[in-house]
Amino acid sequence: MQKTIITVVGKDAVGIIAKVCTYLANNEINILDISQTIVDGFFNMMMITDTSKSSKSIAEIRHELHQIGEEIGVNIHTQHEDIFEMMHRI
């Protein structure tokens, strides 16, 4: 299993979840866990995904999700689980 952390942050709008999840499904990326909130009009979503069945590299996924984020007006960050863990160690 190749776990990847995807975060989506921005002003709430219709279709954010649909756009991101459609991309993931089309690229054989499984959502293992998901948390989503909207606070005072701001959207925040964090997903743990399994990218091991995708034919795309993490770099390609990161780039394409970043482009989708720009199209829909949110910031999408994609990190391999190991990098995420190292960055958030105390």
PDB file of N, CA and C in Angstrom:
ATOM      1  N   MET A   1       0.850  -1.178   0.000  1.00  0.00           N
ATOM      2  CA  MET A   1       0.000   0.000   0.000  1.00  0.00           C
ATOM      3  C   MET A   1       0.892   1.237   0.000  1.00  0.00           C
ATOM      4  N   GLN A   2       0.522   2.200  -0.805  1.00  0.00           N
ATOM      5  CA  GLN A   2       1.258   3.460  -0.886  1.00  0.00           C
ATOM      6  C   GLN A   2       0.311   4.579  -0.459  1.00  0.00           C
ATOM      7  N   LYS A   3       0.416   4.974   0.807  1.00  0.00           N
ATOM      8  CA  LYS A   3      -0.493   5.986   1.336  1.00  0.00           C
ATOM      9  C   LYS A   3      -0.030   7.390   0.963  1.00  0.00           C
ATOM     10  N   THR A   4      -1.018   8.200   0.603  1.00  0.00           N
ATOM     11  CA  THR A   4      -0.782   9.590   0.229  1.00  0.00           C
ATOM     12  C   THR A   4      -1.800  10.458   0.961  1.00  0.00           C
ATOM     13  N   ILE A   5      -1.336  11.603   1.456  1.00  0.00           N
ATOM     14  CA  ILE A   5      -2.201  12.553   2.153  1.00  0.00           C
ATOM     15  C   ILE A   5      -2.551  13.676   1.173  1.00  0.00           C
ATOM     16  N   ILE A   6      -3.844  13.920   1.011  1.00  0.00           N
ATOM     17  CA  ILE A   6      -4.311  14.992   0.130  1.00  0.00           C
ATOM     18  C   ILE A   6      -5.125  15.965   0.970  1.00  0.00           C
ATOM     19  N   THR A   7      -4.764  17.244   0.904  1.00  0.00           N
ATOM     20  CA  THR A   7      -5.523  18.269   1.616  1.00  0.00           C
ATOM     21  C   THR A   7      -6.085  19.258   0.600  1.00  0.00           C
ATOM     22  N   VAL A   8      -7.303  19.706   0.875  1.00  0.00           N
ATOM     23  CA  VAL A   8      -7.983  20.664   0.007  1.00  0.00           C
ATOM     24  C   VAL A   8      -8.504  21.781   0.899  1.00  0.00           C
ATOM     25  N   VAL A   9      -8.103  23.023   0.596  1.00  0.00           N
ATOM     26  CA  VAL A   9      -8.503  24.176   1.414  1.00  0.00           C
ATOM     27  C   VAL A   9      -8.886  25.330   0.495  1.00  0.00           C
ATOM     28  N   GLY A  10      -9.981  25.992   0.828  1.00  0.00           N
ATOM     29  CA  GLY A  10     -10.373  27.171   0.057  1.00  0.00           C
ATOM     30  C   GLY A  10     -11.786  27.601   0.377  1.00  0.00           C
ATOM     31  N   LYS A  11     -12.238  28.617  -0.326  1.00  0.00           N
ATOM     32  CA  LYS A  11     -13.599  29.107  -0.150  1.00  0.00           C
ATOM     33  C   LYS A  11     -14.565  28.040  -0.659  1.00  0.00           C
ATOM     34  N   ASP A  12     -15.612  27.778   0.088  1.00  0.00           N
ATOM     35  CA  ASP A  12     -16.567  26.730  -0.264  1.00  0.00           C
ATOM     36  C   ASP A  12     -17.282  27.054  -1.572  1.00  0.00           C
ATOM     37  N   ALA A  13     -17.481  26.020  -2.375  1.00  0.00           N
ATOM     38  CA  ALA A  13     -18.212  26.152  -3.636  1.00  0.00           C
ATOM     39  C   ALA A  13     -18.810  24.796  -3.985  1.00  0.00           C
ATOM     40  N   VAL A  14     -19.805  24.808  -4.830  1.00  0.00           N
ATOM     41  CA  VAL A  14     -20.444  23.571  -5.275  1.00  0.00           C
ATOM     42  C   VAL A  14     -19.454  22.766  -6.131  1.00  0.00           C
ATOM     43  N   GLY A  15     -19.344  21.464  -5.863  1.00  0.00           N
ATOM     44  CA  GLY A  15     -18.597  20.574  -6.733  1.00  0.00           C
ATOM     45  C   GLY A  15     -17.161  20.280  -6.367  1.00  0.00           C
ATOM     46  N   ILE A  16     -16.667  20.830  -5.272  1.00  0.00           N
ATOM     47  CA  ILE A  16     -15.271  20.587  -4.899  1.00  0.00           C
ATOM     48  C   ILE A  16     -15.029  19.100  -4.669  1.00  0.00           C
ATOM     49  N   ILE A  17     -15.843  18.493  -3.827  1.00  0.00           N
ATOM     50  CA  ILE A  17     -15.662  17.067  -3.510  1.00  0.00           C
ATOM     51  C   ILE A  17     -15.846  16.229  -4.774  1.00  0.00           C
ATOM     52  N   ALA A  18     -16.839  16.541  -5.565  1.00  0.00           N
ATOM     53  CA  ALA A  18     -17.103  15.780  -6.794  1.00  0.00           C
ATOM     54  C   ALA A  18     -15.911  15.824  -7.740  1.00  0.00           C
ATOM     55  N   LYS A  19     -15.341  16.992  -7.926  1.00  0.00           N
ATOM     56  CA  LYS A  19     -14.213  17.144  -8.863  1.00  0.00           C
ATOM     57  C   LYS A  19     -13.003  16.344  -8.386  1.00  0.00           C
ATOM     58  N   VAL A  20     -12.669  16.454  -7.108  1.00  0.00           N
ATOM     59  CA  VAL A  20     -11.500  15.755  -6.564  1.00  0.00           C
ATOM     60  C   VAL A  20     -11.733  14.249  -6.579  1.00  0.00           C
ATOM     61  N   CYS A  21     -12.892  13.811  -6.124  1.00  0.00           N
ATOM     62  CA  CYS A  21     -13.171  12.374  -6.044  1.00  0.00           C
ATOM     63  C   CYS A  21     -13.292  11.735  -7.424  1.00  0.00           C
ATOM     64  N   THR A  22     -13.799  12.463  -8.400  1.00  0.00           N
ATOM     65  CA  THR A  22     -13.856  11.948  -9.769  1.00  0.00           C
ATOM     66  C   THR A  22     -12.448  11.719 -10.299  1.00  0.00           C
ATOM     67  N   TYR A  23     -11.555  12.675 -10.054  1.00  0.00           N
ATOM     68  CA  TYR A  23     -10.156  12.502 -10.469  1.00  0.00           C
ATOM     69  C   TYR A  23      -9.560  11.250  -9.818  1.00  0.00           C
ATOM     70  N   LEU A  24      -9.767  11.100  -8.517  1.00  0.00           N
ATOM     71  CA  LEU A  24      -9.206   9.950  -7.812  1.00  0.00           C
ATOM     72  C   LEU A  24      -9.754   8.648  -8.383  1.00  0.00           C
ATOM     73  N   ALA A  25     -11.047   8.558  -8.581  1.00  0.00           N
ATOM     74  CA  ALA A  25     -11.656   7.338  -9.119  1.00  0.00           C
ATOM     75  C   ALA A  25     -11.133   7.025 -10.520  1.00  0.00           C
ATOM     76  N   ASN A  26     -11.009   8.034 -11.349  1.00  0.00           N
ATOM     77  CA  ASN A  26     -10.527   7.837 -12.719  1.00  0.00           C
ATOM     78  C   ASN A  26      -9.074   7.376 -12.770  1.00  0.00           C
ATOM     79  N   ASN A  27      -8.345   7.577 -11.683  1.00  0.00           N
ATOM     80  CA  ASN A  27      -6.931   7.217 -11.643  1.00  0.00           C
ATOM     81  C   ASN A  27      -6.632   6.071 -10.679  1.00  0.00           C
ATOM     82  N   GLU A  28      -7.685   5.305 -10.340  1.00  0.00           N
ATOM     83  CA  GLU A  28      -7.532   4.111  -9.488  1.00  0.00           C
ATOM     84  C   GLU A  28      -6.918   4.431  -8.119  1.00  0.00           C
ATOM     85  N   ILE A  29      -7.283   5.582  -7.571  1.00  0.00           N
ATOM     86  CA  ILE A  29      -6.797   5.997  -6.252  1.00  0.00           C
ATOM     87  C   ILE A  29      -7.936   5.802  -5.262  1.00  0.00           C
ATOM     88  N   ASN A  30      -7.694   4.949  -4.265  1.00  0.00           N
ATOM     89  CA  ASN A  30      -8.722   4.603  -3.293  1.00  0.00           C
ATOM     90  C   ASN A  30      -8.660   5.539  -2.081  1.00  0.00           C
ATOM     91  N   ILE A  31      -9.812   6.023  -1.643  1.00  0.00           N
ATOM     92  CA  ILE A  31      -9.884   6.851  -0.434  1.00  0.00           C
ATOM     93  C   ILE A  31     -10.011   5.910   0.759  1.00  0.00           C
ATOM     94  N   LEU A  32      -9.025   5.962   1.656  1.00  0.00           N
ATOM     95  CA  LEU A  32      -9.019   5.125   2.852  1.00  0.00           C
ATOM     96  C   LEU A  32      -9.720   5.811   4.012  1.00  0.00           C
ATOM     97  N   ASP A  33      -9.570   7.121   4.105  1.00  0.00           N
ATOM     98  CA  ASP A  33     -10.189   7.900   5.183  1.00  0.00           C
ATOM     99  C   ASP A  33     -10.380   9.320   4.675  1.00  0.00           C
ATOM    100  N   ILE A  34     -11.423   9.972   5.158  1.00  0.00           N
ATOM    101  CA  ILE A  34     -11.718  11.331   4.697  1.00  0.00           C
ATOM    102  C   ILE A  34     -12.357  12.127   5.824  1.00  0.00           C
ATOM    103  N   SER A  35     -11.953  13.384   5.929  1.00  0.00           N
ATOM    104  CA  SER A  35     -12.526  14.312   6.894  1.00  0.00           C
ATOM    105  C   SER A  35     -12.765  15.627   6.167  1.00  0.00           C
ATOM    106  N   GLN A  36     -13.953  16.180   6.324  1.00  0.00           N
ATOM    107  CA  GLN A  36     -14.290  17.405   5.619  1.00  0.00           C
ATOM    108  C   GLN A  36     -15.108  18.305   6.523  1.00  0.00           C
ATOM    109  N   THR A  37     -14.759  19.588   6.544  1.00  0.00           N
ATOM    110  CA  THR A  37     -15.521  20.564   7.320  1.00  0.00           C
ATOM    111  C   THR A  37     -15.668  21.851   6.515  1.00  0.00           C
ATOM    112  N   ILE A  38     -16.687  22.593   6.877  1.00  0.00           N
ATOM    113  CA  ILE A  38     -16.864  23.936   6.339  1.00  0.00           C
ATOM    114  C   ILE A  38     -17.058  24.849   7.540  1.00  0.00           C
ATOM    115  N   VAL A  39     -16.185  25.843   7.661  1.00  0.00           N
ATOM    116  CA  VAL A  39     -16.242  26.780   8.775  1.00  0.00           C
ATOM    117  C   VAL A  39     -16.344  28.194   8.208  1.00  0.00           C
ATOM    118  N   ASP A  40     -17.443  28.849   8.503  1.00  0.00           N
ATOM    119  CA  ASP A  40     -17.681  30.231   8.069  1.00  0.00           C
ATOM    120  C   ASP A  40     -17.401  30.423   6.575  1.00  0.00           C
ATOM    121  N   GLY A  41     -17.827  29.449   5.768  1.00  0.00           N
ATOM    122  CA  GLY A  41     -17.687  29.560   4.322  1.00  0.00           C
ATOM    123  C   GLY A  41     -16.374  29.059   3.755  1.00  0.00           C
ATOM    124  N   PHE A  42     -15.498  28.542   4.612  1.00  0.00           N
ATOM    125  CA  PHE A  42     -14.218  28.014   4.145  1.00  0.00           C
ATOM    126  C   PHE A  42     -14.220  26.494   4.228  1.00  0.00           C
ATOM    127  N   PHE A  43     -13.846  25.874   3.125  1.00  0.00           N
ATOM    128  CA  PHE A  43     -13.857  24.426   2.955  1.00  0.00           C
ATOM    129  C   PHE A  43     -12.500  23.849   3.329  1.00  0.00           C
ATOM    130  N   ASN A  44     -12.503  22.751   4.072  1.00  0.00           N
ATOM    131  CA  ASN A  44     -11.266  22.066   4.453  1.00  0.00           C
ATOM    132  C   ASN A  44     -11.510  20.557   4.377  1.00  0.00           C
ATOM    133  N   MET A  45     -10.684  19.855   3.608  1.00  0.00           N
ATOM    134  CA  MET A  45     -10.825  18.411   3.490  1.00  0.00           C
ATOM    135  C   MET A  45      -9.442  17.767   3.556  1.00  0.00           C
ATOM    136  N   MET A  46      -9.364  16.671   4.280  1.00  0.00           N
ATOM    137  CA  MET A  46      -8.132  15.889   4.344  1.00  0.00           C
ATOM    138  C   MET A  46      -8.484  14.444   4.028  1.00  0.00           C
ATOM    139  N   MET A  47      -7.710  13.849   3.134  1.00  0.00           N
ATOM    140  CA  MET A  47      -7.946  12.466   2.742  1.00  0.00           C
ATOM    141  C   MET A  47      -6.656  11.662   2.877  1.00  0.00           C
ATOM    142  N   ILE A  48      -6.805  10.430   3.312  1.00  0.00           N
ATOM    143  CA  ILE A  48      -5.709   9.473   3.246  1.00  0.00           C
ATOM    144  C   ILE A  48      -6.099   8.527   2.125  1.00  0.00           C
ATOM    145  N   THR A  49      -5.221   8.397   1.143  1.00  0.00           N
ATOM    146  CA  THR A  49      -5.533   7.592  -0.031  1.00  0.00           C
ATOM    147  C   THR A  49      -4.476   6.519  -0.259  1.00  0.00           C
ATOM    148  N   ASP A  50      -4.850   5.535  -1.049  1.00  0.00           N
ATOM    149  CA  ASP A  50      -3.919   4.487  -1.482  1.00  0.00           C
ATOM    150  C   ASP A  50      -3.713   4.663  -2.980  1.00  0.00           C
ATOM    151  N   THR A  51      -2.492   5.018  -3.364  1.00  0.00           N
ATOM    152  CA  THR A  51      -2.183   5.273  -4.773  1.00  0.00           C
ATOM    153  C   THR A  51      -1.457   4.101  -5.430  1.00  0.00           C
ATOM    154  N   SER A  52      -1.370   2.981  -4.754  1.00  0.00           N
ATOM    155  CA  SER A  52      -0.575   1.861  -5.270  1.00  0.00           C
ATOM    156  C   SER A  52      -1.123   1.263  -6.574  1.00  0.00           C
ATOM    157  N   LYS A  53      -2.407   1.399  -6.859  1.00  0.00           N
ATOM    158  CA  LYS A  53      -2.972   0.835  -8.086  1.00  0.00           C
ATOM    159  C   LYS A  53      -2.989   1.836  -9.244  1.00  0.00           C
ATOM    160  N   SER A  54      -2.617   3.082  -8.961  1.00  0.00           N
ATOM    161  CA  SER A  54      -2.602   4.095 -10.012  1.00  0.00           C
ATOM    162  C   SER A  54      -1.383   3.915 -10.907  1.00  0.00           C
ATOM    163  N   SER A  55      -1.561   4.164 -12.187  1.00  0.00           N
ATOM    164  CA  SER A  55      -0.439   4.085 -13.128  1.00  0.00           C
ATOM    165  C   SER A  55       0.399   5.358 -13.106  1.00  0.00           C
ATOM    166  N   LYS A  56      -0.061   6.359 -12.353  1.00  0.00           N
ATOM    167  CA  LYS A  56       0.652   7.637 -12.295  1.00  0.00           C
ATOM    168  C   LYS A  56       1.544   7.717 -11.066  1.00  0.00           C
ATOM    169  N   SER A  57       2.631   8.460 -11.198  1.00  0.00           N
ATOM    170  CA  SER A  57       3.540   8.689 -10.073  1.00  0.00           C
ATOM    171  C   SER A  57       2.927   9.721  -9.128  1.00  0.00           C
ATOM    172  N   ILE A  58       3.461   9.787  -7.920  1.00  0.00           N
ATOM    173  CA  ILE A  58       2.998  10.799  -6.954  1.00  0.00           C
ATOM    174  C   ILE A  58       3.196  12.200  -7.534  1.00  0.00           C
ATOM    175  N   ALA A  59       4.299  12.413  -8.231  1.00  0.00           N
ATOM    176  CA  ALA A  59       4.575  13.724  -8.824  1.00  0.00           C
ATOM    177  C   ALA A  59       3.505  14.097  -9.853  1.00  0.00           C
ATOM    178  N   GLU A  60       3.094  13.143 -10.683  1.00  0.00           N
ATOM    179  CA  GLU A  60       2.047  13.411 -11.671  1.00  0.00           C
ATOM    180  C   GLU A  60       0.712  13.699 -10.987  1.00  0.00           C
ATOM    181  N   ILE A  61       0.390  12.902  -9.982  1.00  0.00           N
ATOM    182  CA  ILE A  61      -0.856  13.103  -9.231  1.00  0.00           C
ATOM    183  C   ILE A  61      -0.845  14.476  -8.570  1.00  0.00           C
ATOM    184  N   ARG A  62       0.264  14.816  -7.933  1.00  0.00           N
ATOM    185  CA  ARG A  62       0.405  16.117  -7.264  1.00  0.00           C
ATOM    186  C   ARG A  62       0.160  17.248  -8.260  1.00  0.00           C
ATOM    187  N   HIS A  63       0.809  17.165  -9.423  1.00  0.00           N
ATOM    188  CA  HIS A  63       0.697  18.215 -10.433  1.00  0.00           C
ATOM    189  C   HIS A  63      -0.741  18.339 -10.951  1.00  0.00           C
ATOM    190  N   GLU A  64      -1.359  17.208 -11.273  1.00  0.00           N
ATOM    191  CA  GLU A  64      -2.712  17.235 -11.821  1.00  0.00           C
ATOM    192  C   GLU A  64      -3.743  17.707 -10.800  1.00  0.00           C
ATOM    193  N   LEU A  65      -3.591  17.294  -9.544  1.00  0.00           N
ATOM    194  CA  LEU A  65      -4.510  17.782  -8.507  1.00  0.00           C
ATOM    195  C   LEU A  65      -4.306  19.277  -8.266  1.00  0.00           C
ATOM    196  N   HIS A  66      -3.060  19.732  -8.319  1.00  0.00           N
ATOM    197  CA  HIS A  66      -2.786  21.168  -8.173  1.00  0.00           C
ATOM    198  C   HIS A  66      -3.508  21.951  -9.278  1.00  0.00           C
ATOM    199  N   GLN A  67      -3.462  21.425 -10.508  1.00  0.00           N
ATOM    200  CA  GLN A  67      -4.147  22.082 -11.622  1.00  0.00           C
ATOM    201  C   GLN A  67      -5.665  22.112 -11.411  1.00  0.00           C
ATOM    202  N   ILE A  68      -6.210  21.009 -10.932  1.00  0.00           N
ATOM    203  CA  ILE A  68      -7.650  20.969 -10.635  1.00  0.00           C
ATOM    204  C   ILE A  68      -7.987  22.020  -9.575  1.00  0.00           C
ATOM    205  N   GLY A  69      -7.156  22.123  -8.546  1.00  0.00           N
ATOM    206  CA  GLY A  69      -7.362  23.126  -7.510  1.00  0.00           C
ATOM    207  C   GLY A  69      -7.401  24.529  -8.073  1.00  0.00           C
ATOM    208  N   GLU A  70      -6.486  24.833  -8.988  1.00  0.00           N
ATOM    209  CA  GLU A  70      -6.476  26.156  -9.609  1.00  0.00           C
ATOM    210  C   GLU A  70      -7.761  26.403 -10.399  1.00  0.00           C
ATOM    211  N   GLU A  71      -8.231  25.368 -11.090  1.00  0.00           N
ATOM    212  CA  GLU A  71      -9.464  25.500 -11.887  1.00  0.00           C
ATOM    213  C   GLU A  71     -10.679  25.791 -11.016  1.00  0.00           C
ATOM    214  N   ILE A  72     -10.739  25.188  -9.828  1.00  0.00           N
ATOM    215  CA  ILE A  72     -11.937  25.343  -8.989  1.00  0.00           C
ATOM    216  C   ILE A  72     -11.730  26.315  -7.827  1.00  0.00           C
ATOM    217  N   GLY A  73     -10.555  26.925  -7.740  1.00  0.00           N
ATOM    218  CA  GLY A  73     -10.323  27.986  -6.759  1.00  0.00           C
ATOM    219  C   GLY A  73      -9.985  27.524  -5.351  1.00  0.00           C
ATOM    220  N   VAL A  74      -9.337  26.360  -5.233  1.00  0.00           N
ATOM    221  CA  VAL A  74      -8.893  25.872  -3.929  1.00  0.00           C
ATOM    222  C   VAL A  74      -7.426  25.460  -4.020  1.00  0.00           C
ATOM    223  N   ASN A  75      -6.798  25.305  -2.863  1.00  0.00           N
ATOM    224  CA  ASN A  75      -5.429  24.798  -2.815  1.00  0.00           C
ATOM    225  C   ASN A  75      -5.472  23.309  -2.519  1.00  0.00           C
ATOM    226  N   ILE A  76      -4.849  22.510  -3.374  1.00  0.00           N
ATOM    227  CA  ILE A  76      -4.778  21.071  -3.164  1.00  0.00           C
ATOM    228  C   ILE A  76      -3.315  20.689  -3.025  1.00  0.00           C
ATOM    229  N   HIS A  77      -2.979  20.073  -1.886  1.00  0.00           N
ATOM    230  CA  HIS A  77      -1.616  19.614  -1.626  1.00  0.00           C
ATOM    231  C   HIS A  77      -1.622  18.093  -1.513  1.00  0.00           C
ATOM    232  N   THR A  78      -0.637  17.478  -2.112  1.00  0.00           N
ATOM    233  CA  THR A  78      -0.511  16.027  -2.111  1.00  0.00           C
ATOM    234  C   THR A  78       0.872  15.655  -1.600  1.00  0.00           C
ATOM    235  N   GLN A  79       0.919  14.790  -0.588  1.00  0.00           N
ATOM    236  CA  GLN A  79       2.200  14.372  -0.002  1.00  0.00           C
ATOM    237  C   GLN A  79       2.184  12.882   0.269  1.00  0.00           C
ATOM    238  N   HIS A  80       3.322  12.252   0.041  1.00  0.00           N
ATOM    239  CA  HIS A  80       3.463  10.848   0.439  1.00  0.00           C
ATOM    240  C   HIS A  80       3.365  10.795   1.965  1.00  0.00           C
ATOM    241  N   GLU A  81       2.795   9.743   2.494  1.00  0.00           N
ATOM    242  CA  GLU A  81       2.580   9.619   3.937  1.00  0.00           C
ATOM    243  C   GLU A  81       3.874   9.808   4.742  1.00  0.00           C
ATOM    244  N   ASP A  82       4.993   9.268   4.270  1.00  0.00           N
ATOM    245  CA  ASP A  82       6.261   9.387   4.999  1.00  0.00           C
ATOM    246  C   ASP A  82       6.690  10.843   5.157  1.00  0.00           C
ATOM    247  N   ILE A  83       6.528  11.638   4.104  1.00  0.00           N
ATOM    248  CA  ILE A  83       6.887  13.059   4.168  1.00  0.00           C
ATOM    249  C   ILE A  83       5.964  13.781   5.137  1.00  0.00           C
ATOM    250  N   PHE A  84       4.683  13.487   5.065  1.00  0.00           N
ATOM    251  CA  PHE A  84       3.705  14.104   5.964  1.00  0.00           C
ATOM    252  C   PHE A  84       4.053  13.795   7.418  1.00  0.00           C
ATOM    253  N   GLU A  85       4.374  12.527   7.699  1.00  0.00           N
ATOM    254  CA  GLU A  85       4.735  12.117   9.063  1.00  0.00           C
ATOM    255  C   GLU A  85       5.976  12.856   9.564  1.00  0.00           C
ATOM    256  N   MET A  86       6.994  12.966   8.714  1.00  0.00           N
ATOM    257  CA  MET A  86       8.235  13.651   9.111  1.00  0.00           C
ATOM    258  C   MET A  86       7.994  15.146   9.375  1.00  0.00           C
ATOM    259  N   MET A  87       7.140  15.764   8.577  1.00  0.00           N
ATOM    260  CA  MET A  87       6.869  17.190   8.733  1.00  0.00           C
ATOM    261  C   MET A  87       6.080  17.491   9.996  1.00  0.00           C
ATOM    262  N   HIS A  88       5.312  16.531  10.490  1.00  0.00           N
ATOM    263  CA  HIS A  88       4.427  16.776  11.631  1.00  0.00           C
ATOM    264  C   HIS A  88       4.890  16.098  12.906  1.00  0.00           C
ATOM    265  N   ARG A  89       6.139  15.705  12.937  1.00  0.00           N
ATOM    266  CA  ARG A  89       6.715  15.149  14.170  1.00  0.00           C
ATOM    267  C   ARG A  89       7.066  16.262  15.128  1.00  0.00           C
ATOM    268  N   ILE A  90       6.853  16.028  16.386  1.00  0.00           N
ATOM    269  CA  ILE A  90       7.184  17.058  17.387  1.00  0.00           C
ATOM    270  C   ILE A  90       8.508  16.713  18.004  1.00  0.00           C
TER     271      ILE A  90
END
